[in-house]
C-alpha atoms as a PDB file:
ATOM      1  CA  GLY A   1     -82.797  51.762 -41.017  1.00  0.00           C
ATOM      2  CA  LYS A   2     -79.307  51.821 -39.662  1.00  0.00           C
ATOM      3  CA  ALA A   3     -76.392  51.548 -42.029  1.00  0.00           C
ATOM      4  CA  MET A   4     -74.098  48.627 -41.356  1.00  0.00           C
ATOM      5  CA  VAL A   5     -70.354  49.171 -41.742  1.00  0.00           C
ATOM      6  CA  MET A   6     -68.269  46.089 -42.446  1.00  0.00           C
ATOM      7  CA  ALA A   7     -64.588  46.173 -41.530  1.00  0.00           C
ATOM      8  CA  VAL A   8     -62.395  44.855 -44.275  1.00  0.00           C
ATOM      9  CA  ARG A   9     -59.161  43.143 -43.078  1.00  0.00           C
ATOM     10  CA  LYS A  10     -56.131  44.200 -45.048  1.00  0.00           C
ATOM     11  CA  PRO A  11     -53.862  41.468 -46.369  1.00  0.00           C
ATOM     12  CA  PRO A  12     -50.529  41.048 -44.473  1.00  0.00           C
ATOM     13  CA  SER A  13     -47.502  42.841 -45.760  1.00  0.00           C
ATOM     14  CA  SER A  14     -45.079  40.739 -47.739  1.00  0.00           C
ATOM     15  CA  LEU A  15     -42.012  39.397 -45.854  1.00  0.00           C
ATOM     16  CA  GLN A  16     -38.816  41.281 -46.338  1.00  0.00           C
ATOM     17  CA  THR A  17     -35.573  39.328 -46.761  1.00  0.00           C
ATOM     18  CA  ILE A  18     -32.324  40.852 -45.528  1.00  0.00           C
ATOM     19  CA  THR A  19     -28.961  39.368 -46.470  1.00  0.00           C
ATOM     20  CA  LEU A  20     -26.110  39.974 -44.028  1.00  0.00           C
ATOM     21  CA  VAL A  21     -22.635  39.749 -45.493  1.00  0.00           C
ATOM     22  CA  THR A  22     -19.673  39.800 -43.116  1.00  0.00           C
ATOM     23  CA  ARG A  23     -15.999  40.134 -43.920  1.00  0.00           C
ATOM     24  CA  LEU A  24     -15.433  36.629 -42.531  1.00  0.00           C
ATOM     25  CA  ALA A  25     -17.947  35.197 -45.002  1.00  0.00           C
ATOM     26  CA  GLN A  26     -16.152  36.893 -47.889  1.00  0.00           C
ATOM     27  CA  GLN A  27     -12.841  35.245 -46.968  1.00  0.00           C
ATOM     28  CA  GLY A  28     -11.715  31.797 -47.976  1.00  0.00           C
ATOM     29  CA  ALA A  29     -11.965  28.655 -45.870  1.00  0.00           C
ATOM     30  CA  LEU A  30     -10.187  28.889 -42.543  1.00  0.00           C
ATOM     31  CA  VAL A  31      -9.104  25.263 -42.731  1.00  0.00           C
ATOM     32  CA  LYS A  32      -8.337  23.390 -45.906  1.00  0.00           C
ATOM     33  CA  PHE A  33      -9.201  19.714 -45.805  1.00  0.00           C
ATOM     34  CA  VAL A  34      -7.001  17.293 -47.688  1.00  0.00           C
ATOM     35  CA  ALA A  35      -8.517  14.097 -48.992  1.00  0.00           C
ATOM     36  CA  LEU A  36      -6.725  11.276 -47.180  1.00  0.00           C
ATOM     37  CA  PHE A  37      -6.524   9.019 -50.210  1.00  0.00           C
ATOM     38  CA  ALA A  38      -6.109  11.745 -52.851  1.00  0.00           C
ATOM     39  CA  SER A  39      -2.491  10.719 -53.350  1.00  0.00           C
ATOM     40  CA  GLY A  40      -0.291   7.763 -52.519  1.00  0.00           C
ATOM     41  CA  HIS A  41      -0.661   6.349 -49.018  1.00  0.00           C
ATOM     42  CA  HIS A  42       0.775   3.553 -46.926  1.00  0.00           C
ATOM     43  CA  PRO A  43      -1.434   1.247 -44.847  1.00  0.00           C
ATOM     44  CA  VAL A  44      -0.796   1.115 -41.109  1.00  0.00           C
ATOM     45  CA  GLU A  45       0.511  -2.228 -39.921  1.00  0.00           C
ATOM     46  CA  VAL A  46      -1.267  -3.306 -36.742  1.00  0.00           C
ATOM     47  CA  MET A  47       1.090  -5.265 -34.458  1.00  0.00           C
ATOM     48  CA  LEU A  48      -0.978  -5.887 -31.349  1.00  0.00           C
ATOM     49  CA  ASP A  49       0.258  -9.468 -31.120  1.00  0.00           C
ATOM     50  CA  ALA A  50       3.903  -8.735 -31.924  1.00  0.00           C
ATOM     51  CA  PRO A  51       6.444  -9.328 -29.114  1.00  0.00           C
ATOM     52  CA  MET A  52       7.698  -6.203 -27.349  1.00  0.00           C
ATOM     53  CA  HIS A  53      11.138  -7.674 -26.569  1.00  0.00           C
ATOM     54  CA  GLY A  54      13.224  -8.360 -29.639  1.00  0.00           C
ATOM     55  CA  SER A  55      12.064  -9.830 -32.911  1.00  0.00           C
ATOM     56  CA  SER A  56      13.348 -13.400 -32.787  1.00  0.00           C
ATOM     57  CA  ARG A  57      11.243 -16.377 -31.845  1.00  0.00           C
ATOM     58  CA  ARG A  58      13.436 -17.047 -28.804  1.00  0.00           C
ATOM     59  CA  ALA A  59      12.950 -13.458 -27.604  1.00  0.00           C
ATOM     60  CA  ALA A  60       9.184 -13.842 -27.906  1.00  0.00           C
ATOM     61  CA  GLU A  61       9.251 -17.139 -25.991  1.00  0.00           C
ATOM     62  CA  LEU A  62      11.455 -15.590 -23.309  1.00  0.00           C
ATOM     63  CA  ALA A  63       9.069 -12.663 -22.913  1.00  0.00           C
ATOM     64  CA  SER A  64       6.152 -15.090 -22.515  1.00  0.00           C
ATOM     65  CA  ALA A  65       8.045 -17.109 -19.883  1.00  0.00           C
ATOM     66  CA  ALA A  66       8.881 -13.899 -18.011  1.00  0.00           C
ATOM     67  CA  CYS A  67       5.177 -12.948 -18.001  1.00  0.00           C
ATOM     68  CA  THR A  68       4.318 -16.354 -16.550  1.00  0.00           C
ATOM     69  CA  CYS A  69       6.978 -15.957 -13.843  1.00  0.00           C
ATOM     70  CA  ALA A  70       5.625 -12.497 -13.055  1.00  0.00           C
ATOM     71  CA  GLN A  71       2.101 -13.864 -12.584  1.00  0.00           C
ATOM     72  CA  MET A  72       3.453 -16.607 -10.343  1.00  0.00           C
ATOM     73  CA  ALA A  73       5.500 -14.131  -8.290  1.00  0.00           C
ATOM     74  CA  LEU A  74       2.408 -12.005  -7.622  1.00  0.00           C
ATOM     75  CA  LEU A  75       0.355 -15.068  -6.672  1.00  0.00           C
ATOM     76  CA  ILE A  76       3.116 -16.311  -4.345  1.00  0.00           C
ATOM     77  CA  ASP A  77       3.133 -12.977  -2.518  1.00  0.00           C
ATOM     78  CA  LYS A  78      -0.649 -13.140  -2.245  1.00  0.00           C
ATOM     79  CA  GLU A  79      -0.500 -16.743  -1.058  1.00  0.00           C
ATOM     80  CA  CYS A  80       1.816 -15.798   1.817  1.00  0.00           C
ATOM     81  CA  LYS A  81      -0.470 -12.974   2.937  1.00  0.00           C
ATOM     82  CA  VAL A  82      -3.578 -15.165   2.726  1.00  0.00           C
ATOM     83  CA  ALA A  83      -1.863 -17.923   4.714  1.00  0.00           C
ATOM     84  CA  GLN A  84      -1.054 -15.441   7.471  1.00  0.00           C
ATOM     85  CA  ALA A  85      -4.675 -14.241   7.512  1.00  0.00           C
ATOM     86  CA  GLY A  86      -6.028 -17.781   7.642  1.00  0.00           C
ATOM     87  CA  GLY A  87      -7.968 -17.767   4.369  1.00  0.00           C
ATOM     88  CA  ALA A  88      -7.855 -21.488   3.603  1.00  0.00           C
ATOM     89  CA  GLU A  89     -10.345 -21.416   0.705  1.00  0.00           C
ATOM     90  CA  LEU A  90      -8.620 -18.575  -1.119  1.00  0.00           C
ATOM     91  CA  GLN A  91      -5.248 -20.155  -0.452  1.00  0.00           C
ATOM     92  CA  SER A  92      -6.451 -23.340  -2.119  1.00  0.00           C
ATOM     93  CA  THR A  93      -7.613 -21.386  -5.174  1.00  0.00           C
ATOM     94  CA  ILE A  94      -4.259 -19.652  -5.456  1.00  0.00           C
ATOM     95  CA  ALA A  95      -2.464 -22.987  -5.209  1.00  0.00           C
ATOM     96  CA  LEU A  96      -4.520 -24.325  -8.137  1.00  0.00           C
ATOM     97  CA  ASP A  97      -3.624 -21.268 -10.220  1.00  0.00           C
ATOM     98  CA  LEU A  98       0.054 -21.736  -9.370  1.00  0.00           C
ATOM     99  CA  ASP A  99      -0.089 -25.392 -10.419  1.00  0.00           C
ATOM    100  CA  ARG A 100      -1.633 -24.375 -13.744  1.00  0.00           C
ATOM    101  CA  LEU A 101       1.027 -21.721 -14.342  1.00  0.00           C
ATOM    102  CA  TYR A 102       3.719 -24.214 -13.363  1.00  0.00           C
ATOM    103  CA  GLY A 103       2.625 -26.414 -16.274  1.00  0.00           C
ATOM    104  CA  VAL A 104       2.611 -23.400 -18.618  1.00  0.00           C
ATOM    105  CA  LEU A 105       6.114 -22.415 -17.496  1.00  0.00           C
ATOM    106  CA  GLN A 106       7.438 -25.941 -18.041  1.00  0.00           C
ATOM    107  CA  THR A 107       6.130 -25.915 -21.620  1.00  0.00           C
ATOM    108  CA  GLN A 108       7.610 -22.468 -22.298  1.00  0.00           C
ATOM    109  CA  ALA A 109      10.994 -23.395 -20.796  1.00  0.00           C
ATOM    110  CA  ASP A 110      11.150 -26.580 -22.855  1.00  0.00           C
ATOM    111  CA  ARG A 111      10.607 -24.578 -26.057  1.00  0.00           C
ATOM    112  CA  ILE A 112      13.417 -22.174 -25.140  1.00  0.00           C
ATOM    113  CA  CYS A 113      15.886 -24.747 -23.780  1.00  0.00           C
ATOM    114  CA  PRO A 114      14.830 -28.186 -25.024  1.00  0.00           C
ATOM    115  CA  GLY A 115      15.874 -31.064 -22.783  1.00  0.00           C
ATOM    116  CA  LEU A 116      16.952 -28.942 -19.783  1.00  0.00           C
ATOM    117  CA  PRO A 117      15.253 -29.294 -16.390  1.00  0.00           C
ATOM    118  CA  LEU A 118      13.107 -26.307 -15.478  1.00  0.00           C
ATOM    119  CA  ASN A 119      15.515 -24.849 -12.908  1.00  0.00           C
ATOM    120  CA  GLU A 120      18.459 -25.094 -15.340  1.00  0.00           C
ATOM    121  CA  ALA A 121      16.388 -23.522 -18.097  1.00  0.00           C
ATOM    122  CA  LEU A 122      15.504 -20.590 -15.820  1.00  0.00           C
ATOM    123  CA  VAL A 123      19.183 -20.140 -14.971  1.00  0.00           C
ATOM    124  CA  GLU A 124      20.161 -20.381 -18.637  1.00  0.00           C
ATOM    125  CA  THR A 125      17.650 -17.714 -19.659  1.00  0.00           C
ATOM    126  CA  GLY A 126      18.510 -15.396 -16.759  1.00  0.00           C
ATOM    127  CA  LEU A 127      15.013 -15.567 -15.287  1.00  0.00           C
ATOM    128  CA  ALA A 128      16.041 -17.476 -12.155  1.00  0.00           C
ATOM    129  CA  PRO A 129      17.737 -14.553 -10.326  1.00  0.00           C
ATOM    130  CA  LEU A 130      14.864 -12.247 -11.311  1.00  0.00           C
ATOM    131  CA  PHE A 131      12.198 -14.505  -9.804  1.00  0.00           C
ATOM    132  CA  PRO A 132      13.800 -16.322  -6.842  1.00  0.00           C
ATOM    133  CA  THR A 133      10.454 -16.825  -5.089  1.00  0.00           C
ATOM    134  CA  VAL A 134       9.219 -18.879  -8.050  1.00  0.00           C
ATOM    135  CA  LEU A 135      12.090 -21.361  -7.664  1.00  0.00           C
ATOM    136  CA  LEU A 136      11.566 -21.460  -3.902  1.00  0.00           C
ATOM    137  CA  ARG A 137       7.802 -22.056  -4.210  1.00  0.00           C
ATOM    138  CA  LEU A 138       8.312 -24.830  -6.771  1.00  0.00           C
ATOM    139  CA  GLN A 139      11.019 -26.362  -4.536  1.00  0.00           C
ATOM    140  CA  LEU A 140      13.585 -26.166  -7.315  1.00  0.00           C
ATOM    141  CA  PRO A 141      17.337 -25.984  -6.590  1.00  0.00           C
ATOM    142  CA  ALA A 142      18.393 -22.441  -5.805  1.00  0.00           C
ATOM    143  CA  VAL A 143      20.479 -20.323  -8.144  1.00  0.00           C
ATOM    144  CA  THR A 144      24.242 -20.377  -7.754  1.00  0.00           C
ATOM    145  CA  ALA A 145      25.331 -17.807  -5.193  1.00  0.00           C
ATOM    146  CA  LEU A 146      26.334 -14.416  -6.580  1.00  0.00           C
ATOM    147  CA  PRO A 147      29.880 -13.080  -6.140  1.00  0.00           C
ATOM    148  CA  PRO A 148      30.293 -11.009  -2.956  1.00  0.00           C
ATOM    149  CA  ASP A 149      30.783  -7.799  -4.959  1.00  0.00           C
ATOM    150  CA  GLN A 150      27.629  -8.276  -7.064  1.00  0.00           C
ATOM    151  CA  THR A 151      24.300  -6.891  -5.856  1.00  0.00           C
ATOM    152  CA  PRO A 152      21.312  -9.223  -6.312  1.00  0.00           C
ATOM    153  CA  PRO A 153      18.876  -7.988  -8.953  1.00  0.00           C
ATOM    154  CA  LEU A 154      15.611  -6.413  -7.865  1.00  0.00           C
ATOM    155  CA  GLN A 155      12.794  -8.870  -7.389  1.00  0.00           C
ATOM    156  CA  PHE A 156       9.684  -8.393  -9.474  1.00  0.00           C
ATOM    157  CA  HIS A 157       7.643  -6.267  -7.063  1.00  0.00           C
ATOM    158  CA  ASP A 158      10.657  -4.093  -6.194  1.00  0.00           C
ATOM    159  CA  TYR A 159      11.483  -3.774  -9.890  1.00  0.00           C
ATOM    160  CA  LEU A 160       8.017  -2.401 -10.671  1.00  0.00           C
ATOM    161  CA  GLN A 161       8.174   0.023  -7.758  1.00  0.00           C
ATOM    162  CA  HIS A 162      11.659   1.191  -8.744  1.00  0.00           C
ATOM    163  CA  LEU A 163      10.530   1.827 -12.314  1.00  0.00           C
ATOM    164  CA  ALA A 164       7.535   3.796 -11.016  1.00  0.00           C
ATOM    165  CA  HIS A 165       9.777   6.006  -8.857  1.00  0.00           C
ATOM    166  CA  MET A 166      12.175   6.595 -11.752  1.00  0.00           C
ATOM    167  CA  HIS A 167       9.291   7.479 -14.059  1.00  0.00           C
ATOM    168  CA  GLN A 168       7.881   9.915 -11.511  1.00  0.00           C
ATOM    169  CA  ALA A 169      11.200  11.765 -11.260  1.00  0.00           C
ATOM    170  CA  LEU A 170      11.606  11.773 -15.047  1.00  0.00           C
ATOM    171  CA  ALA A 171       8.042  12.953 -15.711  1.00  0.00           C
ATOM    172  CA  MET A 172       8.213  15.837 -13.222  1.00  0.00           C
ATOM    173  CA  SER A 173      11.641  16.957 -14.441  1.00  0.00           C
ATOM    174  CA  THR A 174      10.478  16.904 -18.064  1.00  0.00           C
ATOM    175  CA  GLN A 175       7.289  18.803 -17.229  1.00  0.00           C
ATOM    176  CA  ILE A 176       9.200  21.503 -15.322  1.00  0.00           C
ATOM    177  CA  GLN A 177      11.659  21.952 -18.186  1.00  0.00           C
ATOM    178  CA  GLY A 178       8.759  22.348 -20.586  1.00  0.00           C
ATOM    179  CA  ASP A 179       7.138  25.006 -18.365  1.00  0.00           C
ATOM    180  CA  LEU A 180      10.263  27.095 -17.673  1.00  0.00           C
ATOM    181  CA  PRO A 181      10.086  29.080 -20.967  1.00  0.00           C
ATOM    182  CA  GLU A 182       6.454  30.091 -20.262  1.00  0.00           C
ATOM    183  CA  LYS A 183       5.550  33.678 -19.358  1.00  0.00           C
ATOM    184  CA  THR A 184       4.115  32.673 -15.991  1.00  0.00           C
ATOM    185  CA  HIS A 185       5.205  30.123 -13.378  1.00  0.00           C
ATOM    186  CA  LYS A 186       2.078  30.134 -11.240  1.00  0.00           C
ATOM    187  CA  TYR A 187       2.203  26.411 -10.444  1.00  0.00           C
ATOM    188  CA  MET A 188       5.983  25.993 -10.328  1.00  0.00           C
ATOM    189  CA  ALA A 189       6.132  25.727  -6.515  1.00  0.00           C
ATOM    190  CA  HIS A 190       3.678  22.824  -6.615  1.00  0.00           C
ATOM    191  CA  GLN A 191       5.688  21.127  -9.348  1.00  0.00           C
ATOM    192  CA  ILE A 192       8.922  21.534  -7.398  1.00  0.00           C
ATOM    193  CA  ALA A 193       7.251  20.028  -4.334  1.00  0.00           C
ATOM    194  CA  LEU A 194       6.321  16.965  -6.412  1.00  0.00           C
ATOM    195  CA  LEU A 195       9.861  16.738  -7.770  1.00  0.00           C
ATOM    196  CA  TYR A 196      11.177  17.005  -4.202  1.00  0.00           C
ATOM    197  CA  GLN A 197       9.002  14.035  -3.258  1.00  0.00           C
ATOM    198  CA  SER A 198      10.151  12.119  -6.333  1.00  0.00           C
ATOM    199  CA  VAL A 199      13.877  12.396  -5.549  1.00  0.00           C
ATOM    200  CA  SER A 200      13.326  11.589  -1.853  1.00  0.00           C
ATOM    201  CA  TYR A 201      12.923   7.828  -2.354  1.00  0.00           C
ATOM    202  CA  SER A 202      15.930   6.152  -0.763  1.00  0.00           C
ATOM    203  CA  THR A 203      16.193   3.553  -3.535  1.00  0.00           C
ATOM    204  CA  LEU A 204      16.845   6.248  -6.154  1.00  0.00           C
ATOM    205  CA  ASP A 205      20.039   7.521  -4.496  1.00  0.00           C
ATOM    206  CA  MET A 206      19.101  11.092  -5.465  1.00  0.00           C
ATOM    207  CA  ARG A 207      18.794  12.680  -2.041  1.00  0.00           C
ATOM    208  CA  ASP A 208      21.585  15.136  -2.895  1.00  0.00           C
ATOM    209  CA  LEU A 209      19.137  16.743  -5.332  1.00  0.00           C
ATOM    210  CA  LYS A 210      16.613  16.947  -2.528  1.00  0.00           C
ATOM    211  CA  LYS A 211      19.139  18.949  -0.476  1.00  0.00           C
ATOM    212  CA  LYS A 212      19.649  21.324  -3.400  1.00  0.00           C
ATOM    213  CA  ILE A 213      15.921  22.075  -3.561  1.00  0.00           C
ATOM    214  CA  GLU A 214      15.461  22.832   0.151  1.00  0.00           C
ATOM    215  CA  PRO A 215      17.263  26.235   0.343  1.00  0.00           C
ATOM    216  CA  GLN A 216      15.608  27.444  -2.881  1.00  0.00           C
ATOM    217  CA  PHE A 217      12.026  26.360  -2.315  1.00  0.00           C
ATOM    218  CA  ASP A 218      10.794  29.205  -0.060  1.00  0.00           C
ATOM    219  CA  ASN A 219      11.981  31.917  -2.447  1.00  0.00           C
ATOM    220  CA  ILE A 220      10.438  30.189  -5.439  1.00  0.00           C
ATOM    221  CA  LYS A 221       7.162  29.682  -3.571  1.00  0.00           C
ATOM    222  CA  LYS A 222       7.130  33.368  -2.590  1.00  0.00           C
ATOM    223  CA  VAL A 223       7.482  34.403  -6.234  1.00  0.00           C
ATOM    224  CA  THR A 224       4.667  32.127  -7.407  1.00  0.00           C
ATOM    225  CA  GLU A 225       2.287  33.313  -4.676  1.00  0.00           C
ATOM    226  CA  SER A 226       2.948  37.063  -4.520  1.00  0.00           C
ATOM    227  CA  ALA A 227       4.660  38.292  -7.682  1.00  0.00           C
ATOM    228  CA  ASP A 228       2.579  39.804 -10.499  1.00  0.00           C
ATOM    229  CA  PRO A 229       3.029  38.101 -12.847  1.00  0.00           C
ATOM    230  CA  PRO A 230       4.327  35.019 -10.982  1.00  0.00           C
ATOM    231  CA  LYS A 231       7.532  34.478 -12.941  1.00  0.00           C
ATOM    232  CA  LEU A 232      10.876  33.152 -11.756  1.00  0.00           C
ATOM    233  CA  ASN A 233      13.958  35.297 -12.295  1.00  0.00           C
ATOM    234  CA  ASP A 234      16.807  34.216 -14.560  1.00  0.00           C
ATOM    235  CA  GLU A 235      18.836  32.782 -11.679  1.00  0.00           C
ATOM    236  CA  GLN A 236      15.935  30.659 -10.457  1.00  0.00           C
ATOM    237  CA  ILE A 237      15.182  29.455 -13.983  1.00  0.00           C
ATOM    238  CA  SER A 238      18.829  28.479 -14.452  1.00  0.00           C
ATOM    239  CA  PHE A 239      18.807  26.601 -11.144  1.00  0.00           C
ATOM    240  CA  MET A 240      15.661  24.668 -12.045  1.00  0.00           C
ATOM    241  CA  HIS A 241      16.988  23.814 -15.494  1.00  0.00           C
ATOM    242  CA  GLU A 242      20.274  22.467 -14.110  1.00  0.00           C
ATOM    243  CA  LEU A 243      18.464  20.511 -11.384  1.00  0.00           C
ATOM    244  CA  THR A 244      15.992  18.852 -13.741  1.00  0.00           C
ATOM    245  CA  THR A 245      18.703  18.145 -16.319  1.00  0.00           C
ATOM    246  CA  GLU A 246      20.677  16.273 -13.668  1.00  0.00           C
ATOM    247  CA  ALA A 247      17.598  14.313 -12.572  1.00  0.00           C
ATOM    248  CA  ILE A 248      16.795  13.321 -16.169  1.00  0.00           C
ATOM    249  CA  ALA A 249      20.395  12.241 -16.768  1.00  0.00           C
ATOM    250  CA  ARG A 250      20.451  10.023 -13.697  1.00  0.00           C
ATOM    251  CA  VAL A 251      17.257   8.120 -14.418  1.00  0.00           C
ATOM    252  CA  SER A 252      18.310   7.681 -18.054  1.00  0.00           C
ATOM    253  CA  ASP A 253      21.920   6.541 -17.552  1.00  0.00           C
ATOM    254  CA  LEU A 254      22.095   2.754 -17.136  1.00  0.00           C
ATOM    255  CA  GLY A 255      25.684   3.066 -15.977  1.00  0.00           C
ATOM    256  CA  ARG A 256      24.886   4.640 -12.617  1.00  0.00           C
ATOM    257  CA  ALA A 257      22.205   4.786  -9.952  1.00  0.00           C
ATOM    258  CA  PRO A 258      19.277   4.684  -9.983  1.00  0.00           C
ATOM    259  CA  ALA A 259      18.878   3.306 -13.515  1.00  0.00           C
ATOM    260  CA  LYS A 260      21.731   0.824 -13.015  1.00  0.00           C
ATOM    261  CA  ARG A 261      19.519  -1.281 -10.752  1.00  0.00           C
ATOM    262  CA  VAL A 262      17.234  -2.252 -13.622  1.00  0.00           C
ATOM    263  CA  VAL A 263      20.085  -3.365 -15.922  1.00  0.00           C
ATOM    264  CA  PRO A 264      19.709  -7.101 -15.087  1.00  0.00           C
ATOM    265  CA  TRP A 265      16.067  -6.915 -16.173  1.00  0.00           C
ATOM    266  CA  PHE A 266      16.835  -5.034 -19.368  1.00  0.00           C
ATOM    267  CA  THR A 267      19.729  -7.353 -20.203  1.00  0.00           C
ATOM    268  CA  THR A 268      17.606 -10.474 -19.767  1.00  0.00           C
ATOM    269  CA  LEU A 269      14.462  -9.272 -21.515  1.00  0.00           C
ATOM    270  CA  SER A 270      15.938  -7.230 -24.364  1.00  0.00           C
END
């Protein structure tokens, strides 16, 4: 007969374990964590409901009345536009909202100036010249005429827009000053263009700064687009620092334009 050969399968080799040790693993922790409550701590006081203007009760009431006047001023502007467009239904809804806010304002004014009529209370608090359209819409007696040499305060919408323009000039000037010490000024031409736009608003009275930028812009743009690395020279850096310093000073100084125009608001609400 034929011999039969049986193949015997060998058992698998045992697994080998290799341990890799790197220099990084042999070092200490890269970041040391400190237990927050391991030592003395102070709880954070949450003040979401605290008044932003002043700390007295009268200041809080005045801030609330100003917010009500602001809502009414926006609705009055909307009401005029809707009336011109012929939206009778929406106009009626706005009128109901104004009536509701009128009642709220009367309550707030009575808490601030007890016993005074609403128009006198608004004059007493300084809110009347800030929101003349509110008095006009409520058919209240107008505010006493201002002296000829005194400029009327900005109305609410103009006040918000003026603050936005001031903030834009301040933000761009601050950003440029922060970027001047960097090793590259790749985006400086774009930033200067935004600053140029910021100081161009007629209400800011900063167009002299705009004229200072114009003769320098092409050279600065050429450096940022063609130089390697794109870095301004010392003279250009000095010019930009002086320009932005002047812009920051103007929007921060309440004694001159453009910041002077918001003084009536700050005086009343602070």
